[in-house]
Amino acid sequence: MDARQTSLERGRAAPAAKAERRRHRRRQVVWQGKIETRDSRLVACAVLNLSLGGAMVAADGAFAAGDWIKLSITRIGSVEAEIVWHDDGHLGVRFLDDPARIAGIFGGALTL
């Protein structure tokens, strides 16, 4: 196994190891979107899983835990989020809005 495969597996393993601390059930999805940073930088992304509390997103770029972003999912809507972790092209984000508002945004597209 080469170093790239190892780091990708490590990035994908991190969310599973934290699953027991989540308050909301996650659903696997593959939705296209974009990330807007505080400095108005736009980065294409793919949302890989989603809950009322946050999401795992694949995106290239320089991100850091604690950064604020606006996550826009094509044909669904936008939410404000905070990056909780970033590893090898994957981000874990926590939504800043109330779960009821998040359900209103995503509810028509996905039953959470």
PDB file of N, CA and C in Angstrom:
ATOM      1  N   MET A   1       0.855  -1.176   0.000  1.00  0.00           N
ATOM      2  CA  MET A   1       0.000   0.000   0.000  1.00  0.00           C
ATOM      3  C   MET A   1       0.899   1.236   0.000  1.00  0.00           C
ATOM      4  N   ASP A   2       0.624   2.201  -0.872  1.00  0.00           N
ATOM      5  CA  ASP A   2       1.460   3.390  -0.908  1.00  0.00           C
ATOM      6  C   ASP A   2       1.008   4.422   0.124  1.00  0.00           C
ATOM      7  N   ALA A   3       1.812   5.467   0.315  1.00  0.00           N
ATOM      8  CA  ALA A   3       1.533   6.483   1.344  1.00  0.00           C
ATOM      9  C   ALA A   3       0.221   7.190   1.089  1.00  0.00           C
ATOM     10  N   ARG A   4      -0.145   7.442  -0.184  1.00  0.00           N
ATOM     11  CA  ARG A   4      -1.403   8.126  -0.494  1.00  0.00           C
ATOM     12  C   ARG A   4      -2.602   7.293  -0.052  1.00  0.00           C
ATOM     13  N   GLN A   5      -2.591   6.008  -0.328  1.00  0.00           N
ATOM     14  CA  GLN A   5      -3.695   5.160   0.096  1.00  0.00           C
ATOM     15  C   GLN A   5      -3.815   5.141   1.616  1.00  0.00           C
ATOM     16  N   THR A   6      -2.702   5.072   2.281  1.00  0.00           N
ATOM     17  CA  THR A   6      -2.727   5.045   3.736  1.00  0.00           C
ATOM     18  C   THR A   6      -3.355   6.312   4.307  1.00  0.00           C
ATOM     19  N   SER A   7      -2.972   7.488   3.774  1.00  0.00           N
ATOM     20  CA  SER A   7      -3.529   8.727   4.321  1.00  0.00           C
ATOM     21  C   SER A   7      -5.000   8.876   3.961  1.00  0.00           C
ATOM     22  N   LEU A   8      -5.422   8.397   2.774  1.00  0.00           N
ATOM     23  CA  LEU A   8      -6.848   8.449   2.436  1.00  0.00           C
ATOM     24  C   LEU A   8      -7.650   7.568   3.377  1.00  0.00           C
ATOM     25  N   GLU A   9      -7.142   6.373   3.631  1.00  0.00           N
ATOM     26  CA  GLU A   9      -7.848   5.494   4.558  1.00  0.00           C
ATOM     27  C   GLU A   9      -7.921   6.110   5.944  1.00  0.00           C
ATOM     28  N   ARG A  10      -6.842   6.760   6.379  1.00  0.00           N
ATOM     29  CA  ARG A  10      -6.837   7.418   7.683  1.00  0.00           C
ATOM     30  C   ARG A  10      -7.881   8.523   7.723  1.00  0.00           C
ATOM     31  N   GLY A  11      -8.016   9.293   6.649  1.00  0.00           N
ATOM     32  CA  GLY A  11      -9.012  10.363   6.578  1.00  0.00           C
ATOM     33  C   GLY A  11     -10.424   9.827   6.632  1.00  0.00           C
ATOM     34  N   ARG A  12     -10.660   8.693   6.021  1.00  0.00           N
ATOM     35  CA  ARG A  12     -12.000   8.103   6.036  1.00  0.00           C
ATOM     36  C   ARG A  12     -12.287   7.371   7.340  1.00  0.00           C
ATOM     37  N   ALA A  13     -11.245   6.898   7.997  1.00  0.00           N
ATOM     38  CA  ALA A  13     -11.448   6.174   9.248  1.00  0.00           C
ATOM     39  C   ALA A  13     -11.771   7.114  10.398  1.00  0.00           C
ATOM     40  N   ALA A  14     -11.283   8.346  10.355  1.00  0.00           N
ATOM     41  CA  ALA A  14     -11.472   9.281  11.464  1.00  0.00           C
ATOM     42  C   ALA A  14     -12.936   9.493  11.820  1.00  0.00           C
ATOM     43  N   PRO A  15     -13.849   9.716  10.851  1.00  0.00           N
ATOM     44  CA  PRO A  15     -15.240   9.934  11.229  1.00  0.00           C
ATOM     45  C   PRO A  15     -15.870   8.716  11.897  1.00  0.00           C
ATOM     46  N   ALA A  16     -15.541   7.519  11.443  1.00  0.00           N
ATOM     47  CA  ALA A  16     -16.123   6.311  12.024  1.00  0.00           C
ATOM     48  C   ALA A  16     -15.714   6.163  13.484  1.00  0.00           C
ATOM     49  N   ALA A  17     -14.476   6.509  13.788  1.00  0.00           N
ATOM     50  CA  ALA A  17     -13.991   6.394  15.155  1.00  0.00           C
ATOM     51  C   ALA A  17     -14.720   7.350  16.088  1.00  0.00           C
ATOM     52  N   LYS A  18     -15.288   8.430  15.580  1.00  0.00           N
ATOM     53  CA  LYS A  18     -15.975   9.417  16.394  1.00  0.00           C
ATOM     54  C   LYS A  18     -17.481   9.220  16.420  1.00  0.00           C
ATOM     55  N   ALA A  19     -17.981   8.195  15.754  1.00  0.00           N
ATOM     56  CA  ALA A  19     -19.416   8.007  15.576  1.00  0.00           C
ATOM     57  C   ALA A  19     -20.180   7.956  16.898  1.00  0.00           C
ATOM     58  N   GLU A  20     -19.591   7.376  17.929  1.00  0.00           N
ATOM     59  CA  GLU A  20     -20.309   7.225  19.188  1.00  0.00           C
ATOM     60  C   GLU A  20     -20.607   8.551  19.873  1.00  0.00           C
ATOM     61  N   ARG A  21     -19.949   9.650  19.463  1.00  0.00           N
ATOM     62  CA  ARG A  21     -20.181  10.949  20.091  1.00  0.00           C
ATOM     63  C   ARG A  21     -21.207  11.792  19.343  1.00  0.00           C
ATOM     64  N   ARG A  22     -21.705  11.328  18.233  1.00  0.00           N
ATOM     65  CA  ARG A  22     -22.629  12.127  17.436  1.00  0.00           C
ATOM     66  C   ARG A  22     -24.028  12.106  18.023  1.00  0.00           C
ATOM     67  N   ARG A  23     -24.678  13.263  17.940  1.00  0.00           N
ATOM     68  CA  ARG A  23     -26.057  13.376  18.427  1.00  0.00           C
ATOM     69  C   ARG A  23     -27.077  13.049  17.346  1.00  0.00           C
ATOM     70  N   HIS A  24     -26.670  13.152  16.064  1.00  0.00           N
ATOM     71  CA  HIS A  24     -27.597  12.982  14.953  1.00  0.00           C
ATOM     72  C   HIS A  24     -27.115  11.871  14.025  1.00  0.00           C
ATOM     73  N   ARG A  25     -28.072  11.120  13.515  1.00  0.00           N
ATOM     74  CA  ARG A  25     -27.769  10.036  12.590  1.00  0.00           C
ATOM     75  C   ARG A  25     -27.263  10.598  11.261  1.00  0.00           C
ATOM     76  N   ARG A  26     -26.251   9.982  10.711  1.00  0.00           N
ATOM     77  CA  ARG A  26     -25.674  10.415   9.424  1.00  0.00           C
ATOM     78  C   ARG A  26     -26.221   9.562   8.296  1.00  0.00           C
ATOM     79  N   ARG A  27     -26.360  10.199   7.138  1.00  0.00           N
ATOM     80  CA  ARG A  27     -26.763   9.517   5.906  1.00  0.00           C
ATOM     81  C   ARG A  27     -25.664   9.685   4.875  1.00  0.00           C
ATOM     82  N   GLN A  28     -25.363   8.603   4.171  1.00  0.00           N
ATOM     83  CA  GLN A  28     -24.382   8.666   3.089  1.00  0.00           C
ATOM     84  C   GLN A  28     -25.038   9.325   1.877  1.00  0.00           C
ATOM     85  N   VAL A  29     -24.347  10.283   1.291  1.00  0.00           N
ATOM     86  CA  VAL A  29     -24.819  10.976   0.088  1.00  0.00           C
ATOM     87  C   VAL A  29     -23.587  11.265  -0.776  1.00  0.00           C
ATOM     88  N   VAL A  30     -23.819  11.654  -1.987  1.00  0.00           N
ATOM     89  CA  VAL A  30     -22.761  12.212  -2.831  1.00  0.00           C
ATOM     90  C   VAL A  30     -23.419  13.369  -3.571  1.00  0.00           C
ATOM     91  N   TRP A  31     -23.302  14.557  -2.975  1.00  0.00           N
ATOM     92  CA  TRP A  31     -23.922  15.765  -3.518  1.00  0.00           C
ATOM     93  C   TRP A  31     -22.836  16.771  -3.857  1.00  0.00           C
ATOM     94  N   GLN A  32     -22.940  17.373  -5.016  1.00  0.00           N
ATOM     95  CA  GLN A  32     -21.994  18.403  -5.432  1.00  0.00           C
ATOM     96  C   GLN A  32     -22.347  19.729  -4.768  1.00  0.00           C
ATOM     97  N   GLY A  33     -21.332  20.509  -4.512  1.00  0.00           N
ATOM     98  CA  GLY A  33     -21.566  21.805  -3.897  1.00  0.00           C
ATOM     99  C   GLY A  33     -20.345  22.688  -3.988  1.00  0.00           C
ATOM    100  N   LYS A  34     -20.351  23.714  -3.149  1.00  0.00           N
ATOM    101  CA  LYS A  34     -19.190  24.595  -3.069  1.00  0.00           C
ATOM    102  C   LYS A  34     -19.070  25.129  -1.656  1.00  0.00           C
ATOM    103  N   ILE A  35     -17.856  25.467  -1.327  1.00  0.00           N
ATOM    104  CA  ILE A  35     -17.532  26.056  -0.038  1.00  0.00           C
ATOM    105  C   ILE A  35     -17.138  27.501  -0.301  1.00  0.00           C
ATOM    106  N   GLU A  36     -17.714  28.410   0.486  1.00  0.00           N
ATOM    107  CA  GLU A  36     -17.289  29.806   0.446  1.00  0.00           C
ATOM    108  C   GLU A  36     -16.649  30.122   1.788  1.00  0.00           C
ATOM    109  N   THR A  37     -15.435  30.636   1.734  1.00  0.00           N
ATOM    110  CA  THR A  37     -14.709  30.976   2.958  1.00  0.00           C
ATOM    111  C   THR A  37     -14.992  32.423   3.353  1.00  0.00           C
ATOM    112  N   ARG A  38     -14.550  32.811   4.535  1.00  0.00           N
ATOM    113  CA  ARG A  38     -14.745  34.190   5.001  1.00  0.00           C
ATOM    114  C   ARG A  38     -14.121  35.216   4.075  1.00  0.00           C
ATOM    115  N   ASP A  39     -13.043  34.823   3.399  1.00  0.00           N
ATOM    116  CA  ASP A  39     -12.394  35.755   2.466  1.00  0.00           C
ATOM    117  C   ASP A  39     -12.944  35.620   1.040  1.00  0.00           C
ATOM    118  N   SER A  40     -14.143  35.034   0.918  1.00  0.00           N
ATOM    119  CA  SER A  40     -14.889  34.901  -0.343  1.00  0.00           C
ATOM    120  C   SER A  40     -14.244  33.965  -1.363  1.00  0.00           C
ATOM    121  N   ARG A  41     -13.337  33.118  -0.924  1.00  0.00           N
ATOM    122  CA  ARG A  41     -12.770  32.105  -1.813  1.00  0.00           C
ATOM    123  C   ARG A  41     -13.829  31.026  -2.026  1.00  0.00           C
ATOM    124  N   LEU A  42     -14.017  30.575  -3.285  1.00  0.00           N
ATOM    125  CA  LEU A  42     -14.961  29.516  -3.609  1.00  0.00           C
ATOM    126  C   LEU A  42     -14.195  28.255  -3.979  1.00  0.00           C
ATOM    127  N   VAL A  43     -14.604  27.119  -3.390  1.00  0.00           N
ATOM    128  CA  VAL A  43     -13.948  25.841  -3.626  1.00  0.00           C
ATOM    129  C   VAL A  43     -15.029  24.799  -3.932  1.00  0.00           C
ATOM    130  N   ALA A  44     -14.889  24.107  -5.058  1.00  0.00           N
ATOM    131  CA  ALA A  44     -15.821  23.020  -5.383  1.00  0.00           C
ATOM    132  C   ALA A  44     -15.643  21.896  -4.368  1.00  0.00           C
ATOM    133  N   CYS A  45     -16.743  21.216  -4.058  1.00  0.00           N
ATOM    134  CA  CYS A  45     -16.678  20.133  -3.081  1.00  0.00           C
ATOM    135  C   CYS A  45     -17.728  19.075  -3.383  1.00  0.00           C
ATOM    136  N   ALA A  46     -17.625  17.970  -2.669  1.00  0.00           N
ATOM    137  CA  ALA A  46     -18.639  16.919  -2.691  1.00  0.00           C
ATOM    138  C   ALA A  46     -18.993  16.597  -1.252  1.00  0.00           C
ATOM    139  N   VAL A  47     -20.275  16.626  -0.929  1.00  0.00           N
ATOM    140  CA  VAL A  47     -20.744  16.254   0.404  1.00  0.00           C
ATOM    141  C   VAL A  47     -20.880  14.736   0.409  1.00  0.00           C
ATOM    142  N   LEU A  48     -20.200  14.070   1.356  1.00  0.00           N
ATOM    143  CA  LEU A  48     -20.161  12.613   1.388  1.00  0.00           C
ATOM    144  C   LEU A  48     -21.097  12.000   2.412  1.00  0.00           C
ATOM    145  N   ASN A  49     -21.328  12.703   3.504  1.00  0.00           N
ATOM    146  CA  ASN A  49     -22.365  12.273   4.443  1.00  0.00           C
ATOM    147  C   ASN A  49     -22.915  13.503   5.137  1.00  0.00           C
ATOM    148  N   LEU A  50     -24.099  13.332   5.725  1.00  0.00           N
ATOM    149  CA  LEU A  50     -24.853  14.482   6.202  1.00  0.00           C
ATOM    150  C   LEU A  50     -25.706  14.095   7.398  1.00  0.00           C
ATOM    151  N   SER A  51     -25.798  14.998   8.345  1.00  0.00           N
ATOM    152  CA  SER A  51     -26.718  14.840   9.469  1.00  0.00           C
ATOM    153  C   SER A  51     -27.295  16.207   9.790  1.00  0.00           C
ATOM    154  N   LEU A  52     -28.170  16.267  10.773  1.00  0.00           N
ATOM    155  CA  LEU A  52     -28.706  17.557  11.200  1.00  0.00           C
ATOM    156  C   LEU A  52     -27.647  18.408  11.890  1.00  0.00           C
ATOM    157  N   GLY A  53     -26.550  17.784  12.310  1.00  0.00           N
ATOM    158  CA  GLY A  53     -25.506  18.504  13.018  1.00  0.00           C
ATOM    159  C   GLY A  53     -24.284  18.855  12.198  1.00  0.00           C
ATOM    160  N   GLY A  54     -24.077  18.181  11.059  1.00  0.00           N
ATOM    161  CA  GLY A  54     -22.882  18.445  10.277  1.00  0.00           C
ATOM    162  C   GLY A  54     -22.760  17.538   9.079  1.00  0.00           C
ATOM    163  N   ALA A  55     -21.569  17.544   8.485  1.00  0.00           N
ATOM    164  CA  ALA A  55     -21.339  16.771   7.271  1.00  0.00           C
ATOM    165  C   ALA A  55     -19.857  16.452   7.129  1.00  0.00           C
ATOM    166  N   MET A  56     -19.582  15.449   6.292  1.00  0.00           N
ATOM    167  CA  MET A  56     -18.223  15.205   5.847  1.00  0.00           C
ATOM    168  C   MET A  56     -18.165  15.613   4.381  1.00  0.00           C
ATOM    169  N   VAL A  57     -17.149  16.410   4.041  1.00  0.00           N
ATOM    170  CA  VAL A  57     -17.043  17.013   2.725  1.00  0.00           C
ATOM    171  C   VAL A  57     -15.665  16.708   2.152  1.00  0.00           C
ATOM    172  N   ALA A  58     -15.613  16.398   0.864  1.00  0.00           N
ATOM    173  CA  ALA A  58     -14.337  16.248   0.166  1.00  0.00           C
ATOM    174  C   ALA A  58     -14.069  17.541  -0.595  1.00  0.00           C
ATOM    175  N   ALA A  59     -12.905  18.147  -0.357  1.00  0.00           N
ATOM    176  CA  ALA A  59     -12.542  19.403  -1.029  1.00  0.00           C
ATOM    177  C   ALA A  59     -11.037  19.600  -0.966  1.00  0.00           C
ATOM    178  N   ASP A  60     -10.491  20.109  -2.047  1.00  0.00           N
ATOM    179  CA  ASP A  60      -9.075  20.467  -2.062  1.00  0.00           C
ATOM    180  C   ASP A  60      -8.929  21.896  -1.581  1.00  0.00           C
ATOM    181  N   GLY A  61      -7.855  22.162  -0.898  1.00  0.00           N
ATOM    182  CA  GLY A  61      -7.610  23.531  -0.456  1.00  0.00           C
ATOM    183  C   GLY A  61      -7.038  23.568   0.939  1.00  0.00           C
ATOM    184  N   ALA A  62      -6.680  24.770   1.337  1.00  0.00           N
ATOM    185  CA  ALA A  62      -6.122  24.993   2.668  1.00  0.00           C
ATOM    186  C   ALA A  62      -7.248  25.371   3.625  1.00  0.00           C
ATOM    187  N   PHE A  63      -7.539  24.483   4.544  1.00  0.00           N
ATOM    188  CA  PHE A  63      -8.579  24.706   5.545  1.00  0.00           C
ATOM    189  C   PHE A  63      -7.991  24.383   6.908  1.00  0.00           C
ATOM    190  N   ALA A  64      -8.587  24.932   7.939  1.00  0.00           N
ATOM    191  CA  ALA A  64      -8.128  24.655   9.299  1.00  0.00           C
ATOM    192  C   ALA A  64      -9.327  24.521  10.229  1.00  0.00           C
ATOM    193  N   ALA A  65      -9.173  23.692  11.239  1.00  0.00           N
ATOM    194  CA  ALA A  65     -10.208  23.562  12.258  1.00  0.00           C
ATOM    195  C   ALA A  65     -10.492  24.943  12.842  1.00  0.00           C
ATOM    196  N   GLY A  66     -11.763  25.234  13.001  1.00  0.00           N
ATOM    197  CA  GLY A  66     -12.185  26.526  13.526  1.00  0.00           C
ATOM    198  C   GLY A  66     -12.571  27.529  12.459  1.00  0.00           C
ATOM    199  N   ASP A  67     -12.182  27.267  11.203  1.00  0.00           N
ATOM    200  CA  ASP A  67     -12.572  28.171  10.108  1.00  0.00           C
ATOM    201  C   ASP A  67     -14.080  28.135   9.912  1.00  0.00           C
ATOM    202  N   TRP A  68     -14.650  29.304   9.623  1.00  0.00           N
ATOM    203  CA  TRP A  68     -16.061  29.422   9.294  1.00  0.00           C
ATOM    204  C   TRP A  68     -16.196  29.307   7.778  1.00  0.00           C
ATOM    205  N   ILE A  69     -17.235  28.564   7.312  1.00  0.00           N
ATOM    206  CA  ILE A  69     -17.515  28.446   5.884  1.00  0.00           C
ATOM    207  C   ILE A  69     -19.011  28.533   5.635  1.00  0.00           C
ATOM    208  N   LYS A  70     -19.361  28.779   4.403  1.00  0.00           N
ATOM    209  CA  LYS A  70     -20.738  28.640   3.939  1.00  0.00           C
ATOM    210  C   LYS A  70     -20.714  27.473   2.973  1.00  0.00           C
ATOM    211  N   LEU A  71     -21.469  26.426   3.278  1.00  0.00           N
ATOM    212  CA  LEU A  71     -21.547  25.234   2.451  1.00  0.00           C
ATOM    213  C   LEU A  71     -22.821  25.320   1.629  1.00  0.00           C
ATOM    214  N   SER A  72     -22.661  25.370   0.314  1.00  0.00           N
ATOM    215  CA  SER A  72     -23.803  25.430  -0.597  1.00  0.00           C
ATOM    216  C   SER A  72     -23.888  24.111  -1.350  1.00  0.00           C
ATOM    217  N   ILE A  73     -25.031  23.465  -1.245  1.00  0.00           N
ATOM    218  CA  ILE A  73     -25.243  22.191  -1.928  1.00  0.00           C
ATOM    219  C   ILE A  73     -26.156  22.451  -3.118  1.00  0.00           C
ATOM    220  N   THR A  74     -25.673  22.083  -4.283  1.00  0.00           N
ATOM    221  CA  THR A  74     -26.387  22.334  -5.529  1.00  0.00           C
ATOM    222  C   THR A  74     -27.829  21.856  -5.438  1.00  0.00           C
ATOM    223  N   ARG A  75     -28.755  22.728  -5.808  1.00  0.00           N
ATOM    224  CA  ARG A  75     -30.206  22.476  -5.858  1.00  0.00           C
ATOM    225  C   ARG A  75     -30.857  22.232  -4.507  1.00  0.00           C
ATOM    226  N   ILE A  76     -30.138  22.445  -3.396  1.00  0.00           N
ATOM    227  CA  ILE A  76     -30.745  22.203  -2.093  1.00  0.00           C
ATOM    228  C   ILE A  76     -30.723  23.448  -1.225  1.00  0.00           C
ATOM    229  N   GLY A  77     -29.561  24.039  -1.030  1.00  0.00           N
ATOM    230  CA  GLY A  77     -29.482  25.230  -0.211  1.00  0.00           C
ATOM    231  C   GLY A  77     -28.120  25.419   0.413  1.00  0.00           C
ATOM    232  N   SER A  78     -28.019  26.440   1.239  1.00  0.00           N
ATOM    233  CA  SER A  78     -26.756  26.809   1.874  1.00  0.00           C
ATOM    234  C   SER A  78     -26.904  26.859   3.377  1.00  0.00           C
ATOM    235  N   VAL A  79     -25.824  26.492   4.060  1.00  0.00           N
ATOM    236  CA  VAL A  79     -25.775  26.554   5.517  1.00  0.00           C
ATOM    237  C   VAL A  79     -24.417  27.070   5.956  1.00  0.00           C
ATOM    238  N   GLU A  80     -24.376  27.718   7.100  1.00  0.00           N
ATOM    239  CA  GLU A  80     -23.118  28.146   7.689  1.00  0.00           C
ATOM    240  C   GLU A  80     -22.602  27.008   8.559  1.00  0.00           C
ATOM    241  N   ALA A  81     -21.275  26.848   8.540  1.00  0.00           N
ATOM    242  CA  ALA A  81     -20.674  25.747   9.289  1.00  0.00           C
ATOM    243  C   ALA A  81     -19.294  26.140   9.789  1.00  0.00           C
ATOM    244  N   GLU A  82     -18.818  25.376  10.741  1.00  0.00           N
ATOM    245  CA  GLU A  82     -17.464  25.518  11.274  1.00  0.00           C
ATOM    246  C   GLU A  82     -16.706  24.229  10.965  1.00  0.00           C
ATOM    247  N   ILE A  83     -15.496  24.344  10.493  1.00  0.00           N
ATOM    248  CA  ILE A  83     -14.671  23.166  10.237  1.00  0.00           C
ATOM    249  C   ILE A  83     -14.193  22.621  11.575  1.00  0.00           C
ATOM    250  N   VAL A  84     -14.464  21.344  11.803  1.00  0.00           N
ATOM    251  CA  VAL A  84     -14.075  20.688  13.043  1.00  0.00           C
ATOM    252  C   VAL A  84     -12.753  19.949  12.844  1.00  0.00           C
ATOM    253  N   TRP A  85     -12.575  19.340  11.680  1.00  0.00           N
ATOM    254  CA  TRP A  85     -11.324  18.668  11.355  1.00  0.00           C
ATOM    255  C   TRP A  85     -11.088  18.735   9.853  1.00  0.00           C
ATOM    256  N   HIS A  86      -9.826  18.613   9.449  1.00  0.00           N
ATOM    257  CA  HIS A  86      -9.432  18.615   8.052  1.00  0.00           C
ATOM    258  C   HIS A  86      -8.281  17.643   7.900  1.00  0.00           C
ATOM    259  N   ASP A  87      -8.419  16.674   6.985  1.00  0.00           N
ATOM    260  CA  ASP A  87      -7.368  15.689   6.793  1.00  0.00           C
ATOM    261  C   ASP A  87      -7.384  15.171   5.367  1.00  0.00           C
ATOM    262  N   ASP A  88      -6.316  15.392   4.649  1.00  0.00           N
ATOM    263  CA  ASP A  88      -6.090  14.809   3.336  1.00  0.00           C
ATOM    264  C   ASP A  88      -7.280  14.971   2.385  1.00  0.00           C
ATOM    265  N   GLY A  89      -7.756  16.203   2.240  1.00  0.00           N
ATOM    266  CA  GLY A  89      -8.831  16.484   1.298  1.00  0.00           C
ATOM    267  C   GLY A  89     -10.228  16.229   1.815  1.00  0.00           C
ATOM    268  N   HIS A  90     -10.371  15.914   3.077  1.00  0.00           N
ATOM    269  CA  HIS A  90     -11.684  15.703   3.690  1.00  0.00           C
ATOM    270  C   HIS A  90     -11.854  16.674   4.849  1.00  0.00           C
ATOM    271  N   LEU A  91     -13.069  17.194   4.999  1.00  0.00           N
ATOM    272  CA  LEU A  91     -13.406  18.110   6.082  1.00  0.00           C
ATOM    273  C   LEU A  91     -14.573  17.547   6.880  1.00  0.00           C
ATOM    274  N   GLY A  92     -14.512  17.705   8.174  1.00  0.00           N
ATOM    275  CA  GLY A  92     -15.671  17.466   9.017  1.00  0.00           C
ATOM    276  C   GLY A  92     -16.198  18.827   9.423  1.00  0.00           C
ATOM    277  N   VAL A  93     -17.478  19.098   9.162  1.00  0.00           N
ATOM    278  CA  VAL A  93     -18.030  20.404   9.503  1.00  0.00           C
ATOM    279  C   VAL A  93     -19.218  20.258  10.445  1.00  0.00           C
ATOM    280  N   ARG A  94     -19.351  21.236  11.312  1.00  0.00           N
ATOM    281  CA  ARG A  94     -20.486  21.323  12.251  1.00  0.00           C
ATOM    282  C   ARG A  94     -21.342  22.488  11.806  1.00  0.00           C
ATOM    283  N   PHE A  95     -22.630  22.215  11.581  1.00  0.00           N
ATOM    284  CA  PHE A  95     -23.533  23.287  11.168  1.00  0.00           C
ATOM    285  C   PHE A  95     -23.775  24.236  12.334  1.00  0.00           C
ATOM    286  N   LEU A  96     -23.853  25.530  12.038  1.00  0.00           N
ATOM    287  CA  LEU A  96     -24.036  26.539  13.076  1.00  0.00           C
ATOM    288  C   LEU A  96     -25.502  26.851  13.339  1.00  0.00           C
ATOM    289  N   ASP A  97     -26.376  26.451  12.420  1.00  0.00           N
ATOM    290  CA  ASP A  97     -27.806  26.696  12.591  1.00  0.00           C
ATOM    291  C   ASP A  97     -28.455  25.618  13.453  1.00  0.00           C
ATOM    292  N   ASP A  98     -29.606  25.949  13.978  1.00  0.00           N
ATOM    293  CA  ASP A  98     -30.425  25.033  14.750  1.00  0.00           C
ATOM    294  C   ASP A  98     -30.787  23.804  13.904  1.00  0.00           C
ATOM    295  N   PRO A  99     -30.777  22.593  14.488  1.00  0.00           N
ATOM    296  CA  PRO A  99     -31.134  21.392  13.730  1.00  0.00           C
ATOM    297  C   PRO A  99     -32.510  21.471  13.052  1.00  0.00           C
ATOM    298  N   ALA A 100     -33.456  22.186  13.638  1.00  0.00           N
ATOM    299  CA  ALA A 100     -34.776  22.326  13.011  1.00  0.00           C
ATOM    300  C   ALA A 100     -34.673  23.096  11.692  1.00  0.00           C
ATOM    301  N   ARG A 101     -33.824  24.123  11.650  1.00  0.00           N
ATOM    302  CA  ARG A 101     -33.619  24.873  10.408  1.00  0.00           C
ATOM    303  C   ARG A 101     -32.903  24.004   9.379  1.00  0.00           C
ATOM    304  N   ILE A 102     -31.925  23.236   9.827  1.00  0.00           N
ATOM    305  CA  ILE A 102     -31.202  22.331   8.926  1.00  0.00           C
ATOM    306  C   ILE A 102     -32.178  21.308   8.337  1.00  0.00           C
ATOM    307  N   ALA A 103     -33.062  20.777   9.158  1.00  0.00           N
ATOM    308  CA  ALA A 103     -34.062  19.830   8.665  1.00  0.00           C
ATOM    309  C   ALA A 103     -34.946  20.485   7.609  1.00  0.00           C
ATOM    310  N   GLY A 104     -35.283  21.754   7.805  1.00  0.00           N
ATOM    311  CA  GLY A 104     -36.088  22.468   6.819  1.00  0.00           C
ATOM    312  C   GLY A 104     -35.370  22.644   5.499  1.00  0.00           C
ATOM    313  N   ILE A 105     -34.062  22.845   5.551  1.00  0.00           N
ATOM    314  CA  ILE A 105     -33.279  23.014   4.326  1.00  0.00           C
ATOM    315  C   ILE A 105     -33.112  21.689   3.600  1.00  0.00           C
ATOM    316  N   PHE A 106     -32.706  20.639   4.308  1.00  0.00           N
ATOM    317  CA  PHE A 106     -32.402  19.367   3.682  1.00  0.00           C
ATOM    318  C   PHE A 106     -33.572  18.388   3.650  1.00  0.00           C
ATOM    319  N   GLY A 107     -34.602  18.654   4.439  1.00  0.00           N
ATOM    320  CA  GLY A 107     -35.702  17.717   4.583  1.00  0.00           C
ATOM    321  C   GLY A 107     -36.371  17.274   3.302  1.00  0.00           C
ATOM    322  N   GLY A 108     -36.526  18.177   2.338  1.00  0.00           N
ATOM    323  CA  GLY A 108     -37.162  17.812   1.083  1.00  0.00           C
ATOM    324  C   GLY A 108     -36.305  16.910   0.215  1.00  0.00           C
ATOM    325  N   ALA A 109     -34.994  16.934   0.435  1.00  0.00           N
ATOM    326  CA  ALA A 109     -34.087  16.159  -0.385  1.00  0.00           C
ATOM    327  C   ALA A 109     -33.657  14.843   0.284  1.00  0.00           C
ATOM    328  N   LEU A 110     -33.787  14.792   1.589  1.00  0.00           N
ATOM    329  CA  LEU A 110     -33.273  13.642   2.314  1.00  0.00           C
ATOM    330  C   LEU A 110     -33.943  13.537   3.670  1.00  0.00           C
ATOM    331  N   THR A 111     -34.438  12.367   3.992  1.00  0.00           N
ATOM    332  CA  THR A 111     -35.010  12.142   5.315  1.00  0.00           C
ATOM    333  C   THR A 111     -33.869  11.861   6.279  1.00  0.00           C
ATOM    334  N   LEU A 112     -33.744  12.725   7.280  1.00  0.00           N
ATOM    335  CA  LEU A 112     -32.676  12.529   8.276  1.00  0.00           C
ATOM    336  C   LEU A 112     -33.296  11.957   9.512  1.00  0.00           C
TER     337      LEU A 112
END
